[in-house]
Structure formats: C-alpha cells, structure tokens
C-alpha cells in the first residue's frame, strides 16, 4: 500500500465490475464507492463512462490515512484480433 490521492481504475463503459482490478477496488473501497458507481450506471446505463472519458468518485465515506481519497474510473478501448 502506498499513500496517494487517487487510484485510476480501468473499467468498462458501463462501469459494472467484471473482474480484475475493477472488482478488487469495489471490494476494497466498500459500499460507499459502489453506491456512487451504481447511481451513475442507473442514470446513464451502458454509457456511464464512454471510452476516452473518466468519472471521479470519492473512495470511502470515512477513509483512514492509508486510503486514497478518490477513484478515477476510465474506460479505454477494447481490442480484439478482428479489428
């Protein structure tokens, strides 16, 4: 663990955790963070964080000194061999 102001989270454009670092961060940050992400997902549905854009969230309601203050969700392009 390092002290930092923010963590950048690679996510899908729907921001639904689908394994990897995204799921780990939801578990580590807890319900406060997840509730924020779910609220945006419900409002925007599958376009909650379009590719190339970011959404910033408060990491925890009551973080300790070792926790980052923010999580920045960023959706990158998905590559496959067909493209």
PDB file of N, CA and C in Angstrom:
ATOM      1  N   UNK A   1       0.833  -1.186   0.000  1.00  0.00           N
ATOM      2  CA  UNK A   1       0.000   0.000   0.000  1.00  0.00           C
ATOM      3  C   UNK A   1       0.872   1.242   0.000  1.00  0.00           C
ATOM      4  N   UNK A   2       0.498   2.170  -0.839  1.00  0.00           N
ATOM      5  CA  UNK A   2       1.183   3.457  -0.895  1.00  0.00           C
ATOM      6  C   UNK A   2       0.182   4.557  -0.595  1.00  0.00           C
ATOM      7  N   UNK A   3       0.672   5.625  -0.026  1.00  0.00           N
ATOM      8  CA  UNK A   3      -0.179   6.794   0.178  1.00  0.00           C
ATOM      9  C   UNK A   3      -0.289   7.518  -1.157  1.00  0.00           C
ATOM     10  N   UNK A   4      -1.515   7.780  -1.575  1.00  0.00           N
ATOM     11  CA  UNK A   4      -1.727   8.506  -2.829  1.00  0.00           C
ATOM     12  C   UNK A   4      -3.064   9.234  -2.737  1.00  0.00           C
ATOM     13  N   UNK A   5      -3.259  10.181  -3.618  1.00  0.00           N
ATOM     14  CA  UNK A   5      -4.504  10.940  -3.641  1.00  0.00           C
ATOM     15  C   UNK A   5      -5.605  10.222  -4.398  1.00  0.00           C
ATOM     16  N   UNK A   6      -5.228   9.461  -5.446  1.00  0.00           N
ATOM     17  CA  UNK A   6      -6.237   8.815  -6.288  1.00  0.00           C
ATOM     18  C   UNK A   6      -5.702   7.527  -6.893  1.00  0.00           C
ATOM     19  N   UNK A   7      -6.628   6.656  -7.223  1.00  0.00           N
ATOM     20  CA  UNK A   7      -6.341   5.428  -7.961  1.00  0.00           C
ATOM     21  C   UNK A   7      -7.076   5.539  -9.279  1.00  0.00           C
ATOM     22  N   UNK A   8      -6.413   5.189 -10.379  1.00  0.00           N
ATOM     23  CA  UNK A   8      -7.072   5.148 -11.680  1.00  0.00           C
ATOM     24  C   UNK A   8      -7.502   3.708 -11.921  1.00  0.00           C
ATOM     25  N   UNK A   9      -8.792   3.548 -12.161  1.00  0.00           N
ATOM     26  CA  UNK A   9      -9.392   2.234 -12.321  1.00  0.00           C
ATOM     27  C   UNK A   9      -9.786   2.001 -13.775  1.00  0.00           C
ATOM     28  N   UNK A  10      -9.162   1.024 -14.455  1.00  0.00           N
ATOM     29  CA  UNK A  10      -9.602   0.697 -15.810  1.00  0.00           C
ATOM     30  C   UNK A  10     -10.940  -0.018 -15.727  1.00  0.00           C
ATOM     31  N   UNK A  11     -11.938   0.497 -16.414  1.00  0.00           N
ATOM     32  CA  UNK A  11     -13.279  -0.065 -16.307  1.00  0.00           C
ATOM     33  C   UNK A  11     -13.933  -0.135 -17.680  1.00  0.00           C
ATOM     34  N   UNK A  12     -15.066  -0.783 -17.737  1.00  0.00           N
ATOM     35  CA  UNK A  12     -15.843  -0.814 -18.978  1.00  0.00           C
ATOM     36  C   UNK A  12     -16.719   0.435 -19.041  1.00  0.00           C
ATOM     37  N   UNK A  13     -17.320   0.686 -20.190  1.00  0.00           N
ATOM     38  CA  UNK A  13     -18.146   1.888 -20.320  1.00  0.00           C
ATOM     39  C   UNK A  13     -19.411   1.827 -19.473  1.00  0.00           C
ATOM     40  N   UNK A  14     -19.835   0.644 -19.052  1.00  0.00           N
ATOM     41  CA  UNK A  14     -20.990   0.539 -18.154  1.00  0.00           C
ATOM     42  C   UNK A  14     -20.575   0.710 -16.696  1.00  0.00           C
ATOM     43  N   UNK A  15     -19.297   0.605 -16.409  1.00  0.00           N
ATOM     44  CA  UNK A  15     -18.696   0.699 -15.079  1.00  0.00           C
ATOM     45  C   UNK A  15     -19.128  -0.425 -14.148  1.00  0.00           C
ATOM     46  N   UNK A  16     -19.695  -1.506 -14.685  1.00  0.00           N
ATOM     47  CA  UNK A  16     -20.031  -2.674 -13.863  1.00  0.00           C
ATOM     48  C   UNK A  16     -18.758  -3.481 -13.642  1.00  0.00           C
ATOM     49  N   UNK A  17     -18.449  -3.834 -12.395  1.00  0.00           N
ATOM     50  CA  UNK A  17     -17.233  -4.605 -12.155  1.00  0.00           C
ATOM     51  C   UNK A  17     -17.320  -5.971 -12.840  1.00  0.00           C
ATOM     52  N   UNK A  18     -16.296  -6.287 -13.600  1.00  0.00           N
ATOM     53  CA  UNK A  18     -16.301  -7.545 -14.359  1.00  0.00           C
ATOM     54  C   UNK A  18     -15.024  -8.341 -14.133  1.00  0.00           C
ATOM     55  N   UNK A  19     -14.488  -8.230 -12.942  1.00  0.00           N
ATOM     56  CA  UNK A  19     -13.275  -8.969 -12.610  1.00  0.00           C
ATOM     57  C   UNK A  19     -12.069  -8.058 -12.561  1.00  0.00           C
ATOM     58  N   UNK A  20     -10.937  -8.636 -12.253  1.00  0.00           N
ATOM     59  CA  UNK A  20      -9.684  -7.908 -12.241  1.00  0.00           C
ATOM     60  C   UNK A  20      -9.648  -6.779 -11.224  1.00  0.00           C
ATOM     61  N   UNK A  21      -8.914  -5.741 -11.562  1.00  0.00           N
ATOM     62  CA  UNK A  21      -8.729  -4.603 -10.671  1.00  0.00           C
ATOM     63  C   UNK A  21     -10.060  -3.921 -10.347  1.00  0.00           C
ATOM     64  N   UNK A  22     -10.954  -3.839 -11.298  1.00  0.00           N
ATOM     65  CA  UNK A  22     -12.243  -3.184 -11.080  1.00  0.00           C
ATOM     66  C   UNK A  22     -12.997  -3.848  -9.920  1.00  0.00           C
ATOM     67  N   UNK A  23     -13.115  -5.154  -9.938  1.00  0.00           N
ATOM     68  CA  UNK A  23     -13.806  -5.875  -8.857  1.00  0.00           C
ATOM     69  C   UNK A  23     -13.056  -5.735  -7.536  1.00  0.00           C
ATOM     70  N   UNK A  24     -11.731  -5.807  -7.598  1.00  0.00           N
ATOM     71  CA  UNK A  24     -10.926  -5.665  -6.381  1.00  0.00           C
ATOM     72  C   UNK A  24     -11.162  -4.294  -5.737  1.00  0.00           C
ATOM     73  N   UNK A  25     -11.203  -3.246  -6.532  1.00  0.00           N
ATOM     74  CA  UNK A  25     -11.425  -1.906  -5.987  1.00  0.00           C
ATOM     75  C   UNK A  25     -12.810  -1.765  -5.368  1.00  0.00           C
ATOM     76  N   UNK A  26     -13.813  -2.343  -5.997  1.00  0.00           N
ATOM     77  CA  UNK A  26     -15.151  -2.291  -5.406  1.00  0.00           C
ATOM     78  C   UNK A  26     -15.156  -2.970  -4.040  1.00  0.00           C
ATOM     79  N   UNK A  27     -14.471  -4.100  -3.931  1.00  0.00           N
ATOM     80  CA  UNK A  27     -14.392  -4.792  -2.639  1.00  0.00           C
ATOM     81  C   UNK A  27     -13.604  -3.979  -1.622  1.00  0.00           C
ATOM     82  N   UNK A  28     -12.495  -3.411  -2.041  1.00  0.00           N
ATOM     83  CA  UNK A  28     -11.617  -2.680  -1.121  1.00  0.00           C
ATOM     84  C   UNK A  28     -12.219  -1.347  -0.678  1.00  0.00           C
ATOM     85  N   UNK A  29     -12.889  -0.650  -1.579  1.00  0.00           N
ATOM     86  CA  UNK A  29     -13.433   0.668  -1.253  1.00  0.00           C
ATOM     87  C   UNK A  29     -14.761   0.572  -0.510  1.00  0.00           C
ATOM     88  N   UNK A  30     -15.502  -0.484  -0.712  1.00  0.00           N
ATOM     89  CA  UNK A  30     -16.725  -0.695   0.050  1.00  0.00           C
ATOM     90  C   UNK A  30     -17.978  -0.125  -0.584  1.00  0.00           C
ATOM     91  N   UNK A  31     -19.040  -0.172   0.186  1.00  0.00           N
ATOM     92  CA  UNK A  31     -20.373   0.150  -0.315  1.00  0.00           C
ATOM     93  C   UNK A  31     -20.539   1.613  -0.715  1.00  0.00           C
ATOM     94  N   UNK A  32     -19.876   2.536  -0.039  1.00  0.00           N
ATOM     95  CA  UNK A  32     -19.998   3.956  -0.377  1.00  0.00           C
ATOM     96  C   UNK A  32     -19.558   4.213  -1.817  1.00  0.00           C
ATOM     97  N   UNK A  33     -18.412   3.662  -2.187  1.00  0.00           N
ATOM     98  CA  UNK A  33     -17.906   3.804  -3.556  1.00  0.00           C
ATOM     99  C   UNK A  33     -18.836   3.107  -4.547  1.00  0.00           C
ATOM    100  N   UNK A  34     -19.214   1.877  -4.237  1.00  0.00           N
ATOM    101  CA  UNK A  34     -20.081   1.114  -5.133  1.00  0.00           C
ATOM    102  C   UNK A  34     -21.416   1.815  -5.343  1.00  0.00           C
ATOM    103  N   UNK A  35     -21.982   2.407  -4.301  1.00  0.00           N
ATOM    104  CA  UNK A  35     -23.257   3.122  -4.434  1.00  0.00           C
ATOM    105  C   UNK A  35     -23.148   4.290  -5.406  1.00  0.00           C
ATOM    106  N   UNK A  36     -22.033   4.992  -5.395  1.00  0.00           N
ATOM    107  CA  UNK A  36     -21.833   6.109  -6.327  1.00  0.00           C
ATOM    108  C   UNK A  36     -21.784   5.606  -7.768  1.00  0.00           C
ATOM    109  N   UNK A  37     -21.035   4.520  -7.979  1.00  0.00           N
ATOM    110  CA  UNK A  37     -20.906   3.951  -9.322  1.00  0.00           C
ATOM    111  C   UNK A  37     -22.260   3.450  -9.816  1.00  0.00           C
ATOM    112  N   UNK A  38     -23.007   2.769  -8.958  1.00  0.00           N
ATOM    113  CA  UNK A  38     -24.321   2.246  -9.328  1.00  0.00           C
ATOM    114  C   UNK A  38     -25.276   3.387  -9.692  1.00  0.00           C
ATOM    115  N   UNK A  39     -25.221   4.491  -8.960  1.00  0.00           N
ATOM    116  CA  UNK A  39     -26.091   5.640  -9.255  1.00  0.00           C
ATOM    117  C   UNK A  39     -25.837   6.181 -10.653  1.00  0.00           C
ATOM    118  N   UNK A  40     -24.574   6.308 -11.041  1.00  0.00           N
ATOM    119  CA  UNK A  40     -24.247   6.788 -12.394  1.00  0.00           C
ATOM    120  C   UNK A  40     -24.647   5.754 -13.430  1.00  0.00           C
ATOM    121  N   UNK A  41     -24.397   4.476 -13.131  1.00  0.00           N
ATOM    122  CA  UNK A  41     -24.769   3.402 -14.064  1.00  0.00           C
ATOM    123  C   UNK A  41     -26.280   3.416 -14.315  1.00  0.00           C
ATOM    124  N   UNK A  42     -27.071   3.569 -13.266  1.00  0.00           N
ATOM    125  CA  UNK A  42     -28.533   3.590 -13.423  1.00  0.00           C
ATOM    126  C   UNK A  42     -28.983   4.789 -14.251  1.00  0.00           C
ATOM    127  N   UNK A  43     -28.323   5.924 -14.080  1.00  0.00           N
ATOM    128  CA  UNK A  43     -28.693   7.130 -14.807  1.00  0.00           C
ATOM    129  C   UNK A  43     -28.297   7.053 -16.284  1.00  0.00           C
ATOM    130  N   UNK A  44     -27.117   6.514 -16.555  1.00  0.00           N
ATOM    131  CA  UNK A  44     -26.578   6.529 -17.916  1.00  0.00           C
ATOM    132  C   UNK A  44     -26.606   5.161 -18.597  1.00  0.00           C
ATOM    133  N   UNK A  45     -26.898   4.097 -17.832  1.00  0.00           N
ATOM    134  CA  UNK A  45     -26.950   2.728 -18.306  1.00  0.00           C
ATOM    135  C   UNK A  45     -25.607   2.295 -18.900  1.00  0.00           C
ATOM    136  N   UNK A  46     -25.591   1.797 -20.119  1.00  0.00           N
ATOM    137  CA  UNK A  46     -24.351   1.239 -20.663  1.00  0.00           C
ATOM    138  C   UNK A  46     -23.366   2.304 -21.131  1.00  0.00           C
ATOM    139  N   UNK A  47     -23.744   3.561 -21.062  1.00  0.00           N
ATOM    140  CA  UNK A  47     -22.857   4.651 -21.454  1.00  0.00           C
ATOM    141  C   UNK A  47     -22.460   5.484 -20.236  1.00  0.00           C
ATOM    142  N   UNK A  48     -22.291   4.819 -19.091  1.00  0.00           N
ATOM    143  CA  UNK A  48     -21.969   5.514 -17.848  1.00  0.00           C
ATOM    144  C   UNK A  48     -20.614   6.208 -17.916  1.00  0.00           C
ATOM    145  N   UNK A  49     -19.691   5.614 -18.658  1.00  0.00           N
ATOM    146  CA  UNK A  49     -18.358   6.197 -18.827  1.00  0.00           C
ATOM    147  C   UNK A  49     -17.881   5.865 -20.241  1.00  0.00           C
ATOM    148  N   UNK A  50     -18.225   6.696 -21.218  1.00  0.00           N
ATOM    149  CA  UNK A  50     -17.839   6.407 -22.596  1.00  0.00           C
ATOM    150  C   UNK A  50     -16.323   6.261 -22.750  1.00  0.00           C
ATOM    151  N   UNK A  51     -15.916   5.461 -23.713  1.00  0.00           N
ATOM    152  CA  UNK A  51     -14.491   5.243 -23.993  1.00  0.00           C
ATOM    153  C   UNK A  51     -13.813   6.586 -24.207  1.00  0.00           C
ATOM    154  N   UNK A  52     -12.689   6.768 -23.530  1.00  0.00           N
ATOM    155  CA  UNK A  52     -11.922   8.001 -23.630  1.00  0.00           C
ATOM    156  C   UNK A  52     -12.287   9.030 -22.574  1.00  0.00           C
ATOM    157  N   UNK A  53     -13.313   8.760 -21.777  1.00  0.00           N
ATOM    158  CA  UNK A  53     -13.708   9.684 -20.718  1.00  0.00           C
ATOM    159  C   UNK A  53     -13.434   9.060 -19.354  1.00  0.00           C
ATOM    160  N   UNK A  54     -13.588   9.854 -18.318  1.00  0.00           N
ATOM    161  CA  UNK A  54     -13.353   9.390 -16.946  1.00  0.00           C
ATOM    162  C   UNK A  54     -14.461   9.897 -16.040  1.00  0.00           C
ATOM    163  N   UNK A  55     -14.643   9.196 -14.941  1.00  0.00           N
ATOM    164  CA  UNK A  55     -15.553   9.610 -13.877  1.00  0.00           C
ATOM    165  C   UNK A  55     -14.776   9.519 -12.573  1.00  0.00           C
ATOM    166  N   UNK A  56     -14.898  10.532 -11.732  1.00  0.00           N
ATOM    167  CA  UNK A  56     -14.158  10.544 -10.469  1.00  0.00           C
ATOM    168  C   UNK A  56     -15.146  10.365  -9.308  1.00  0.00           C
ATOM    169  N   UNK A  57     -14.759   9.549  -8.343  1.00  0.00           N
ATOM    170  CA  UNK A  57     -15.604   9.231  -7.201  1.00  0.00           C
ATOM    171  C   UNK A  57     -14.812   9.383  -5.913  1.00  0.00           C
ATOM    172  N   UNK A  58     -15.512   9.679  -4.831  1.00  0.00           N
ATOM    173  CA  UNK A  58     -14.905   9.669  -3.505  1.00  0.00           C
ATOM    174  C   UNK A  58     -14.714   8.208  -3.132  1.00  0.00           C
ATOM    175  N   UNK A  59     -13.537   7.861  -2.639  1.00  0.00           N
ATOM    176  CA  UNK A  59     -13.228   6.443  -2.415  1.00  0.00           C
ATOM    177  C   UNK A  59     -14.009   5.840  -1.265  1.00  0.00           C
ATOM    178  N   UNK A  60     -14.019   6.483  -0.122  1.00  0.00           N
ATOM    179  CA  UNK A  60     -14.711   5.951   1.043  1.00  0.00           C
ATOM    180  C   UNK A  60     -15.349   7.094   1.817  1.00  0.00           C
ATOM    181  N   UNK A  61     -16.406   6.776   2.538  1.00  0.00           N
ATOM    182  CA  UNK A  61     -17.078   7.785   3.356  1.00  0.00           C
ATOM    183  C   UNK A  61     -16.172   8.261   4.486  1.00  0.00           C
ATOM    184  N   UNK A  62     -15.446   7.333   5.091  1.00  0.00           N
ATOM    185  CA  UNK A  62     -14.574   7.656   6.219  1.00  0.00           C
ATOM    186  C   UNK A  62     -13.222   6.956   6.036  1.00  0.00           C
ATOM    187  N   UNK A  63     -12.398   7.439   5.093  1.00  0.00           N
ATOM    188  CA  UNK A  63     -11.132   6.748   4.814  1.00  0.00           C
ATOM    189  C   UNK A  63     -10.124   6.925   5.941  1.00  0.00           C
ATOM    190  N   UNK A  64      -9.297   5.895   6.120  1.00  0.00           N
ATOM    191  CA  UNK A  64      -8.177   6.086   7.046  1.00  0.00           C
ATOM    192  C   UNK A  64      -7.042   6.744   6.276  1.00  0.00           C
ATOM    193  N   UNK A  65      -5.973   7.060   6.947  1.00  0.00           N
ATOM    194  CA  UNK A  65      -4.896   7.825   6.319  1.00  0.00           C
ATOM    195  C   UNK A  65      -4.223   7.087   5.164  1.00  0.00           C
ATOM    196  N   UNK A  66      -4.305   5.759   5.130  1.00  0.00           N
ATOM    197  CA  UNK A  66      -3.650   4.997   4.071  1.00  0.00           C
ATOM    198  C   UNK A  66      -4.509   4.882   2.812  1.00  0.00           C
ATOM    199  N   UNK A  67      -5.787   5.221   2.906  1.00  0.00           N
ATOM    200  CA  UNK A  67      -6.678   5.096   1.756  1.00  0.00           C
ATOM    201  C   UNK A  67      -6.582   6.306   0.842  1.00  0.00           C
ATOM    202  N   UNK A  68      -6.653   6.086  -0.461  1.00  0.00           N
ATOM    203  CA  UNK A  68      -6.715   7.222  -1.387  1.00  0.00           C
ATOM    204  C   UNK A  68      -8.044   7.936  -1.226  1.00  0.00           C
ATOM    205  N   UNK A  69      -8.070   9.211  -1.557  1.00  0.00           N
ATOM    206  CA  UNK A  69      -9.303   9.990  -1.422  1.00  0.00           C
ATOM    207  C   UNK A  69     -10.264   9.768  -2.582  1.00  0.00           C
ATOM    208  N   UNK A  70      -9.729   9.449  -3.758  1.00  0.00           N
ATOM    209  CA  UNK A  70     -10.549   9.356  -4.964  1.00  0.00           C
ATOM    210  C   UNK A  70     -10.235   8.099  -5.761  1.00  0.00           C
ATOM    211  N   UNK A  71     -11.239   7.661  -6.539  1.00  0.00           N
ATOM    212  CA  UNK A  71     -11.048   6.623  -7.550  1.00  0.00           C
ATOM    213  C   UNK A  71     -11.496   7.248  -8.863  1.00  0.00           C
ATOM    214  N   UNK A  72     -10.635   7.194  -9.861  1.00  0.00           N
ATOM    215  CA  UNK A  72     -10.946   7.735 -11.176  1.00  0.00           C
ATOM    216  C   UNK A  72     -11.190   6.558 -12.114  1.00  0.00           C
ATOM    217  N   UNK A  73     -12.447   6.379 -12.514  1.00  0.00           N
ATOM    218  CA  UNK A  73     -12.789   5.310 -13.458  1.00  0.00           C
ATOM    219  C   UNK A  73     -12.562   5.818 -14.870  1.00  0.00           C
ATOM    220  N   UNK A  74     -11.827   5.054 -15.647  1.00  0.00           N
ATOM    221  CA  UNK A  74     -11.512   5.427 -17.024  1.00  0.00           C
ATOM    222  C   UNK A  74     -11.778   4.237 -17.939  1.00  0.00           C
ATOM    223  N   UNK A  75     -12.579   4.460 -18.958  1.00  0.00           N
ATOM    224  CA  UNK A  75     -12.900   3.404 -19.917  1.00  0.00           C
ATOM    225  C   UNK A  75     -12.006   3.546 -21.136  1.00  0.00           C
ATOM    226  N   UNK A  76     -11.253   2.528 -21.401  1.00  0.00           N
ATOM    227  CA  UNK A  76     -10.386   2.502 -22.578  1.00  0.00           C
ATOM    228  C   UNK A  76     -10.990   1.642 -23.663  1.00  0.00           C
ATOM    229  N   UNK A  77     -10.427   1.697 -24.847  1.00  0.00           N
ATOM    230  CA  UNK A  77     -10.945   0.880 -25.935  1.00  0.00           C
ATOM    231  C   UNK A  77     -10.673  -0.598 -25.683  1.00  0.00           C
ATOM    232  N   UNK A  78     -11.521  -1.431 -26.270  1.00  0.00           N
ATOM    233  CA  UNK A  78     -11.331  -2.876 -26.200  1.00  0.00           C
ATOM    234  C   UNK A  78     -10.801  -3.336 -27.542  1.00  0.00           C
ATOM    235  N   UNK A  79      -9.709  -4.030 -27.505  1.00  0.00           N
ATOM    236  CA  UNK A  79      -9.077  -4.511 -28.734  1.00  0.00           C
ATOM    237  C   UNK A  79      -9.341  -5.990 -28.902  1.00  0.00           C
ATOM    238  N   UNK A  80      -9.505  -6.388 -30.160  1.00  0.00           N
ATOM    239  CA  UNK A  80      -9.563  -7.815 -30.474  1.00  0.00           C
ATOM    240  C   UNK A  80      -8.886  -8.036 -31.813  1.00  0.00           C
ATOM    241  N   UNK A  81      -8.624  -9.284 -32.133  1.00  0.00           N
ATOM    242  CA  UNK A  81      -7.849  -9.597 -33.332  1.00  0.00           C
ATOM    243  C   UNK A  81      -8.602  -9.300 -34.620  1.00  0.00           C
ATOM    244  N   UNK A  82      -9.912  -9.213 -34.572  1.00  0.00           N
ATOM    245  CA  UNK A  82     -10.715  -8.980 -35.764  1.00  0.00           C
ATOM    246  C   UNK A  82     -10.675  -7.539 -36.251  1.00  0.00           C
ATOM    247  N   UNK A  83     -10.301  -6.615 -35.382  1.00  0.00           N
ATOM    248  CA  UNK A  83     -10.304  -5.206 -35.771  1.00  0.00           C
ATOM    249  C   UNK A  83      -8.959  -4.772 -36.277  1.00  0.00           C
TER     250      UNK A  83
END
